[in-house]
Each structure stands twice: as C-alpha cells, then as structure tokens.
Amino acid sequence: MKITVVGAGAVGATCAENIARKQLVEEVVLLDIKEGFAEGKAMDMNQCATLNGYDTKIIGSTNDYNATADSSVVVITSGIPRKPGMTREELIGTNAGIVSTVTENILKHSPDAILIVISNPMDTMTYLSVKSSGLPKERVIGMGGILDSSRFKFRLSEAIGCSPNDLQGVVIGGHGDTTMIPLINHATYNSTPVTNFLTPEQQEHVVKETMVGGATLTKLIGTSAWYAPGAAGAFLAESIVRDQKKLFPCCVYLDGEYGQSDICIGVPVIVGKNGWEKIVDYKLSDSQQTQFNESADAVRKMNSVLSEMSLV
C-alpha cells in the first residue's frame, strides 16, 4: 500500500515522517515541484529508519506523478504558507491554481485515492477538490478540525492543569481565526464536563486562544506551523488506512446536514477505509447553530473567489 504526500515543505515532510513512523504503509511518496527538494527530504528520513525503528520506504520525486501511481491516500499540502499578517483568504488566488492542478494530476495516476486536503484556506481548497475532481464526496476530506481540536485540548489542559490526553474536545465550523467554533460545553475531562473546572472567564480565554491558534504560531515563528498540522494529517490517514472508524471533526461536503448544503466545512464525522463514512449530529443549541451558520457564510464568501476565477 502507498500514501503520497504532495508538497515537501515543513508540513508535508512532517506528515510523511509521521506516516513512516506509524508504519501505516510500505511506501510513502513525497512529491514537490522544487528540483531535488523531495528527494533530499526523503533521503534524510530514510536515514532515520534504523534510529526510529521503521521499515517504511520513503521516495522523493520532483514533479513526477508517475511515482505516485496507485496511491490509496493522497495528502495535499502544496501551496504557499501563510506569512505574518496574512489571512487564509489572501492565499486563495495562488493556492487554488496549485491545488486544482495537483488534484487533476493525482487522479490520472491514482483514480481510487482518498484525498486529504491540508492546503490553506483549507475549507475552500477542500471544496475546490470536491468540485474539480468529480470524486464521491466521501473521498475528499479537509484536515482542519482535527488540528483545531488538538489545539483546543492543549489550551484546555493549560487552563485545567491536566494531561491533554485525558480531554475530549471538538472544534467545528470553518478552519479560520474567526470561523471556528470550539464546543466548550461538549468538552470533557475524563467524562466530566470541563466547565466544572473552569470559570466563565477561563472558558472564554480558552475559546479565544484556540481560535487564534494558527495566527499565534505564525506571529511567533514567522510562518505557518508544521508539527501539529503534519501530525494531524498523518492521524487522519491512519484512521483511513487502518479502518479505525474514529470520530473527529473534518471538513467535508454537506448536503443538508447541519442546515447547510453545497459547502465544505468542519463537522464531526466517522472516518474509515472508504473515507468519511457518516456525519454525526451533535444537536447544536440555537446559539451554536447560529454560530455555525455565520461560519458557513464566511466560508461561502471565500468560496466565491473560486467562481470569480472560473475554477468551480
């Protein structure tokens, strides 16, 4: 079995390394447009095999899609990263053309692949992949909600003073600083509501810090984060390859669920060998549904740029 990661930058390389360490497949292909870049990253990772105890073969390729043939899962990370002060919306013009081309070339060689989209703005790039690929909607998944939920649990663990592994927390809605919705009333600490441990002010702080999680890191390190996004992509790939039926939030195409249609946005889904298999209804409160609708409106505004560019 083979997984391809398109884009050998920080996020793509981290994702590929996590996949190799988990030994999800026999072969990982790392593809990039920059001459020798993917080959160098692959060689570096292969030299870690005896140090980290994995047998996964990692192959680097400069824009040769023949190397990606018969991939079961393809992770798309390619595109320019977000710079300080840059919004995800500003990335659309450049990254839409890249993602559209990548999707077309991948499916020529791996028509049965499941696509995982990480490229930003992730909700819009996922929508573009659904519309341009012609694939069944279940085979295109945006990773964003998994990353946002991981950041949510990190902030909760800071506030409570506990292990993040003892927490359950979900972020739905758009993968953006103003569009994501951390469901703090659904979050638990070993089955006990986290609201039992936090004051209203602490809860508000956790939610706000979660929402600007990506922007905070961009400001600190001067570019988009890569460790957690790469790990999140591998985490999603693992549930597909191992048919784990895990339940977590992903950006998927809605057709009436949560009151929305013709949009890709983060909702709780069950993920297995066929992609996302079921959307789970969390029974949002009226205020949460209002937030979700507003988030969807913002995502649609970004998607409208695709129509202006005649890409959908």
Protein backbone atom coordinates (compact mmCIF):
# COMPACT_ATOMS: atom_id res chain seq x y z
CA MET A 1 0.00 0.00 0.00
CA LYS A 2 1.19 3.51 -0.81
CA ILE A 3 0.49 7.02 0.51
CA THR A 4 1.56 10.12 -1.41
CA VAL A 5 2.21 13.47 0.23
CA VAL A 6 2.21 16.35 -2.24
CA GLY A 7 4.38 19.21 -1.05
CA ALA A 8 7.71 18.52 0.67
CA GLY A 9 7.72 21.67 2.74
CA ALA A 10 7.60 21.67 6.53
CA VAL A 11 4.01 20.42 6.81
CA GLY A 12 4.31 17.79 4.07
CA ALA A 13 7.65 16.45 5.30
CA THR A 14 6.38 16.28 8.88
CA CYS A 15 3.27 14.45 7.70
CA ALA A 16 5.36 11.97 5.69
CA GLU A 17 7.65 11.35 8.64
CA ASN A 18 4.71 10.70 10.97
CA ILE A 19 3.21 8.26 8.45
CA ALA A 20 6.55 6.44 8.21
CA ARG A 21 6.94 6.26 11.99
CA LYS A 22 3.44 4.82 12.32
CA GLN A 23 4.32 2.28 9.59
CA LEU A 24 0.91 2.76 8.00
CA VAL A 25 2.05 1.63 4.55
CA GLU A 26 5.01 0.02 2.84
CA GLU A 27 5.81 3.12 0.77
CA VAL A 28 5.44 6.88 1.15
CA VAL A 29 5.98 9.11 -1.89
CA LEU A 30 6.96 12.72 -1.23
CA LEU A 31 6.38 14.95 -4.26
CA ASP A 32 7.46 18.54 -4.79
CA ILE A 33 7.91 20.92 -7.71
CA LYS A 34 11.33 22.16 -6.49
CA GLU A 35 14.18 20.22 -8.08
CA GLY A 36 15.78 17.74 -5.68
CA PHE A 37 13.86 19.02 -2.64
CA ALA A 38 11.64 15.99 -2.11
CA GLU A 39 14.50 13.62 -2.90
CA GLY A 40 16.64 15.27 -0.23
CA LYS A 41 13.90 15.19 2.38
CA ALA A 42 13.19 11.52 1.58
CA MET A 43 16.86 10.59 1.88
CA ASP A 44 17.11 12.35 5.23
CA MET A 45 14.05 10.47 6.52
CA ASN A 46 15.26 7.13 5.19
CA GLN A 47 18.46 7.66 7.17
CA CYS A 48 16.28 7.85 10.30
CA ALA A 49 14.80 4.38 9.75
CA THR A 50 17.27 2.47 11.92
CA LEU A 51 17.23 5.24 14.54
CA ASN A 52 13.44 5.36 14.85
CA GLY A 53 12.70 1.71 14.13
CA TYR A 54 10.56 1.83 10.99
CA ASP A 55 10.78 -0.04 7.70
CA THR A 56 8.63 2.26 5.58
CA LYS A 57 10.32 3.20 2.31
CA ILE A 58 10.20 6.91 1.50
CA ILE A 59 10.62 8.00 -2.12
CA GLY A 60 11.19 11.60 -3.17
CA SER A 61 10.14 12.85 -6.59
CA THR A 62 10.43 16.16 -8.40
CA ASN A 63 7.03 16.70 -10.02
CA ASP A 64 6.89 13.16 -11.48
CA TYR A 65 3.37 11.96 -10.85
CA ASN A 66 4.21 8.53 -12.23
CA ALA A 67 5.86 7.83 -8.87
CA THR A 68 2.50 8.40 -7.14
CA ALA A 69 0.62 5.76 -9.16
CA ASP A 70 -1.81 3.52 -7.26
CA SER A 71 -1.73 5.54 -4.04
CA SER A 72 -4.52 4.64 -1.62
CA VAL A 73 -4.38 8.02 0.15
CA VAL A 74 -3.01 11.33 -1.10
CA VAL A 75 -2.29 14.20 1.28
CA ILE A 76 -2.23 17.61 -0.42
CA THR A 77 -0.13 20.18 1.44
CA SER A 78 1.22 22.12 -1.53
CA GLY A 79 0.86 25.87 -1.79
CA ILE A 80 2.47 28.94 -0.32
CA PRO A 81 2.44 29.16 3.50
CA ARG A 82 0.74 31.91 5.44
CA LYS A 83 3.03 34.79 6.40
CA PRO A 84 2.63 37.10 9.42
CA GLY A 85 -0.37 39.38 8.95
CA MET A 86 -1.68 37.32 6.03
CA THR A 87 -5.16 35.83 6.23
CA ARG A 88 -6.07 32.43 4.82
CA GLU A 89 -8.36 34.25 2.38
CA GLU A 90 -5.37 36.00 0.82
CA LEU A 91 -3.91 32.63 -0.10
CA ILE A 92 -6.79 31.67 -2.39
CA GLY A 93 -5.51 33.22 -5.61
CA THR A 94 -2.22 31.33 -5.62
CA ASN A 95 -3.13 28.11 -3.88
CA ALA A 96 -6.34 27.42 -5.82
CA GLY A 97 -4.42 27.02 -9.05
CA ILE A 98 -1.87 24.76 -7.36
CA VAL A 99 -4.43 22.50 -5.68
CA SER A 100 -6.53 22.22 -8.84
CA THR A 101 -3.51 21.10 -10.87
CA VAL A 102 -2.35 18.68 -8.19
CA THR A 103 -5.79 17.09 -7.90
CA GLU A 104 -6.04 16.59 -11.65
CA ASN A 105 -2.59 15.00 -11.94
CA ILE A 106 -3.01 12.78 -8.90
CA LEU A 107 -6.26 11.27 -10.15
CA LYS A 108 -4.72 10.45 -13.53
CA HIS A 109 -2.41 8.03 -11.72
CA SER A 110 -4.49 7.09 -8.65
CA PRO A 111 -8.19 7.28 -9.61
CA ASP A 112 -9.27 5.36 -6.48
CA ALA A 113 -7.35 7.51 -4.00
CA ILE A 114 -8.87 9.23 -0.98
CA LEU A 115 -7.76 12.88 -0.84
CA ILE A 116 -6.76 14.63 2.39
CA VAL A 117 -6.53 18.41 1.95
CA ILE A 118 -4.29 20.49 4.22
CA SER A 119 -3.51 23.42 1.87
CA ASN A 120 -4.93 26.76 3.02
CA PRO A 121 -7.51 28.21 3.01
CA MET A 122 -8.42 24.63 3.81
CA ASP A 123 -12.24 24.79 3.63
CA THR A 124 -12.12 26.45 0.22
CA MET A 125 -9.37 24.16 -1.10
CA THR A 126 -11.39 21.12 0.02
CA TYR A 127 -14.46 22.47 -1.78
CA LEU A 128 -12.34 23.05 -4.88
CA SER A 129 -11.07 19.46 -4.75
CA VAL A 130 -14.60 18.07 -4.44
CA LYS A 131 -15.87 20.15 -7.34
CA SER A 132 -12.89 19.76 -9.68
CA SER A 133 -12.20 16.07 -9.07
CA GLY A 134 -15.66 14.60 -9.65
CA LEU A 135 -14.93 12.15 -6.83
CA PRO A 136 -17.65 10.88 -4.48
CA LYS A 137 -17.83 13.45 -1.68
CA GLU A 138 -16.79 10.84 0.90
CA ARG A 139 -13.35 10.57 -0.68
CA VAL A 140 -12.32 14.19 -0.13
CA ILE A 141 -11.55 15.26 3.44
CA GLY A 142 -10.18 18.51 4.84
CA MET A 143 -7.97 18.02 7.88
CA GLY A 144 -8.59 21.33 9.72
CA GLY A 145 -10.96 20.29 12.51
CA ILE A 146 -8.53 17.66 13.80
CA LEU A 147 -5.79 20.27 14.15
CA ASP A 148 -8.10 22.85 15.72
CA SER A 149 -9.41 20.29 18.21
CA SER A 150 -5.85 19.34 19.18
CA ARG A 151 -5.10 22.99 19.84
CA PHE A 152 -8.35 23.27 21.81
CA LYS A 153 -7.35 20.37 24.06
CA PHE A 154 -3.89 21.88 24.54
CA ARG A 155 -5.41 25.16 25.73
CA LEU A 156 -7.86 23.29 27.99
CA SER A 157 -5.02 21.28 29.53
CA GLU A 158 -3.15 24.53 30.26
CA ALA A 159 -6.17 26.06 31.96
CA ILE A 160 -7.11 22.97 33.98
CA GLY A 161 -3.56 21.76 34.67
CA CYS A 162 -4.09 18.24 33.35
CA SER A 163 -2.88 15.93 30.61
CA PRO A 164 -4.37 16.79 27.20
CA ASN A 165 -4.77 13.05 26.67
CA ASP A 166 -7.43 13.00 29.39
CA LEU A 167 -9.53 15.55 27.49
CA GLN A 168 -12.17 15.27 24.79
CA GLY A 169 -12.89 18.44 22.87
CA VAL A 170 -14.20 19.28 19.43
CA VAL A 171 -13.94 22.31 17.17
CA ILE A 172 -16.40 22.59 14.28
CA GLY A 173 -17.07 25.21 11.61
CA GLY A 174 -14.57 26.86 9.31
CA HIS A 175 -10.81 26.47 9.72
CA GLY A 176 -10.19 30.15 10.27
CA ASP A 177 -9.42 32.56 13.09
CA THR A 178 -12.97 33.94 13.13
CA THR A 179 -14.95 30.99 11.79
CA MET A 180 -14.05 28.04 14.02
CA ILE A 181 -16.35 27.07 16.90
CA PRO A 182 -14.74 25.36 19.92
CA LEU A 183 -17.62 23.47 21.58
CA ILE A 184 -16.57 24.03 25.16
CA ASN A 185 -19.93 22.87 26.52
CA HIS A 186 -19.29 19.48 24.88
CA ALA A 187 -15.71 19.16 26.16
CA THR A 188 -14.95 16.70 28.96
CA TYR A 189 -12.11 15.80 31.32
CA ASN A 190 -12.38 12.03 31.76
CA SER A 191 -16.16 12.18 31.15
CA THR A 192 -16.66 15.19 33.44
CA PRO A 193 -17.61 18.50 31.77
CA VAL A 194 -14.62 20.85 31.65
CA THR A 195 -16.97 23.65 32.65
CA ASN A 196 -16.91 22.11 36.16
CA PHE A 197 -13.22 23.02 36.40
CA LEU A 198 -13.11 26.42 34.73
CA THR A 199 -14.61 29.79 35.48
CA PRO A 200 -16.59 31.53 32.72
CA GLU A 201 -13.62 33.86 32.23
CA GLN A 202 -11.25 30.91 31.85
CA GLN A 203 -13.60 29.26 29.39
CA GLU A 204 -13.77 32.42 27.30
CA HIS A 205 -9.97 32.68 27.32
CA VAL A 206 -9.55 29.07 26.16
CA VAL A 207 -12.01 29.58 23.31
CA LYS A 208 -10.34 32.81 22.15
CA GLU A 209 -6.82 31.34 22.31
CA THR A 210 -7.96 28.29 20.36
CA MET A 211 -9.47 30.39 17.61
CA VAL A 212 -6.25 32.34 17.04
CA GLY A 213 -4.05 29.26 17.47
CA GLY A 214 -2.68 29.34 13.94
CA ALA A 215 -2.17 33.12 13.88
CA THR A 216 -0.38 32.98 17.24
CA LEU A 217 2.15 30.48 15.91
CA THR A 218 2.59 32.40 12.64
CA LYS A 219 3.45 35.51 14.63
CA LEU A 220 5.90 33.63 16.85
CA ILE A 221 7.80 31.65 14.21
CA GLY A 222 7.30 33.80 11.13
CA THR A 223 5.42 31.23 9.05
CA SER A 224 2.65 28.65 9.34
CA ALA A 225 3.02 25.92 11.96
CA TRP A 226 4.05 22.45 10.78
CA TYR A 227 4.48 19.94 13.61
CA ALA A 228 0.81 19.75 14.62
CA PRO A 229 -0.62 20.15 11.08
CA GLY A 230 1.67 17.38 9.80
CA ALA A 231 0.80 15.11 12.70
CA ALA A 232 -2.91 15.81 12.19
CA GLY A 233 -2.67 14.79 8.54
CA ALA A 234 -0.99 11.51 9.49
CA PHE A 235 -3.58 10.94 12.24
CA LEU A 236 -6.36 11.24 9.66
CA ALA A 237 -4.53 8.98 7.20
CA GLU A 238 -4.15 6.36 9.94
CA SER A 239 -7.90 6.16 10.53
CA ILE A 240 -8.40 5.58 6.80
CA VAL A 241 -5.64 3.02 6.24
CA ARG A 242 -6.39 1.06 9.41
CA ASP A 243 -10.18 1.45 9.09
CA GLN A 244 -10.33 2.72 12.67
CA LYS A 245 -13.79 4.33 12.43
CA LYS A 246 -12.56 7.24 14.53
CA LEU A 247 -14.93 10.10 15.24
CA PHE A 248 -13.43 13.53 14.85
CA PRO A 249 -14.23 16.82 13.11
CA CYS A 250 -13.21 17.13 9.47
CA CYS A 251 -14.05 19.46 6.62
CA VAL A 252 -16.47 17.58 4.37
CA TYR A 253 -19.12 18.36 1.76
CA LEU A 254 -22.55 18.93 3.28
CA ASP A 255 -25.84 18.16 1.57
CA GLY A 256 -28.37 19.38 4.12
CA GLU A 257 -26.55 18.28 7.28
CA TYR A 258 -26.34 20.94 9.99
CA GLY A 259 -28.69 23.03 7.85
CA GLN A 260 -26.10 23.64 5.12
CA SER A 261 -25.61 22.49 1.53
CA ASP A 262 -23.03 22.86 -1.24
CA ILE A 263 -20.22 23.71 1.16
CA CYS A 264 -17.22 22.01 2.76
CA ILE A 265 -16.92 22.84 6.45
CA GLY A 266 -15.91 21.15 9.69
CA VAL A 267 -18.39 18.75 11.30
CA PRO A 268 -17.99 15.52 13.33
CA VAL A 269 -17.54 12.51 11.04
CA ILE A 270 -16.62 8.84 11.30
CA VAL A 271 -13.57 8.01 9.18
CA GLY A 272 -12.64 4.57 7.86
CA LYS A 273 -11.26 2.78 4.83
CA ASN A 274 -13.74 4.39 2.43
CA GLY A 275 -13.07 7.94 3.58
CA TRP A 276 -15.60 9.73 5.75
CA GLU A 277 -18.48 7.35 6.30
CA LYS A 278 -21.03 9.20 8.41
CA ILE A 279 -21.74 12.71 9.63
CA VAL A 280 -22.67 12.72 13.32
CA ASP A 281 -25.31 15.19 14.51
CA TYR A 282 -24.18 16.87 17.73
CA LYS A 283 -27.58 18.50 18.26
CA LEU A 284 -26.32 22.06 18.45
CA SER A 285 -28.05 24.61 20.62
CA ASP A 286 -29.79 27.52 18.90
CA SER A 287 -26.83 29.82 19.62
CA GLN A 288 -24.34 27.24 18.37
CA GLN A 289 -26.36 26.73 15.19
CA THR A 290 -26.36 30.48 14.66
CA GLN A 291 -22.57 30.50 15.04
CA PHE A 292 -22.30 27.62 12.60
CA ASN A 293 -24.48 29.41 10.05
CA GLU A 294 -22.33 32.54 10.36
CA SER A 295 -19.20 30.43 9.91
CA ALA A 296 -20.70 28.86 6.78
CA ASP A 297 -21.50 32.33 5.40
CA ALA A 298 -17.86 33.35 5.85
CA VAL A 299 -16.62 30.18 4.13
CA ARG A 300 -19.01 30.77 1.22
CA LYS A 301 -17.62 34.27 0.84
CA MET A 302 -14.15 32.74 0.39
CA ASN A 303 -15.53 30.13 -2.00
CA SER A 304 -16.99 32.86 -4.17
CA VAL A 305 -13.45 33.73 -5.24
CA LEU A 306 -13.27 30.32 -6.94
CA SER A 307 -16.28 31.22 -9.06
CA GLU A 308 -14.71 34.56 -9.96
CA MET A 309 -11.63 32.65 -11.10
CA SER A 310 -13.81 30.18 -13.06
CA LEU A 311 -12.38 27.25 -11.08
CA VAL A 312 -15.77 25.84 -10.00
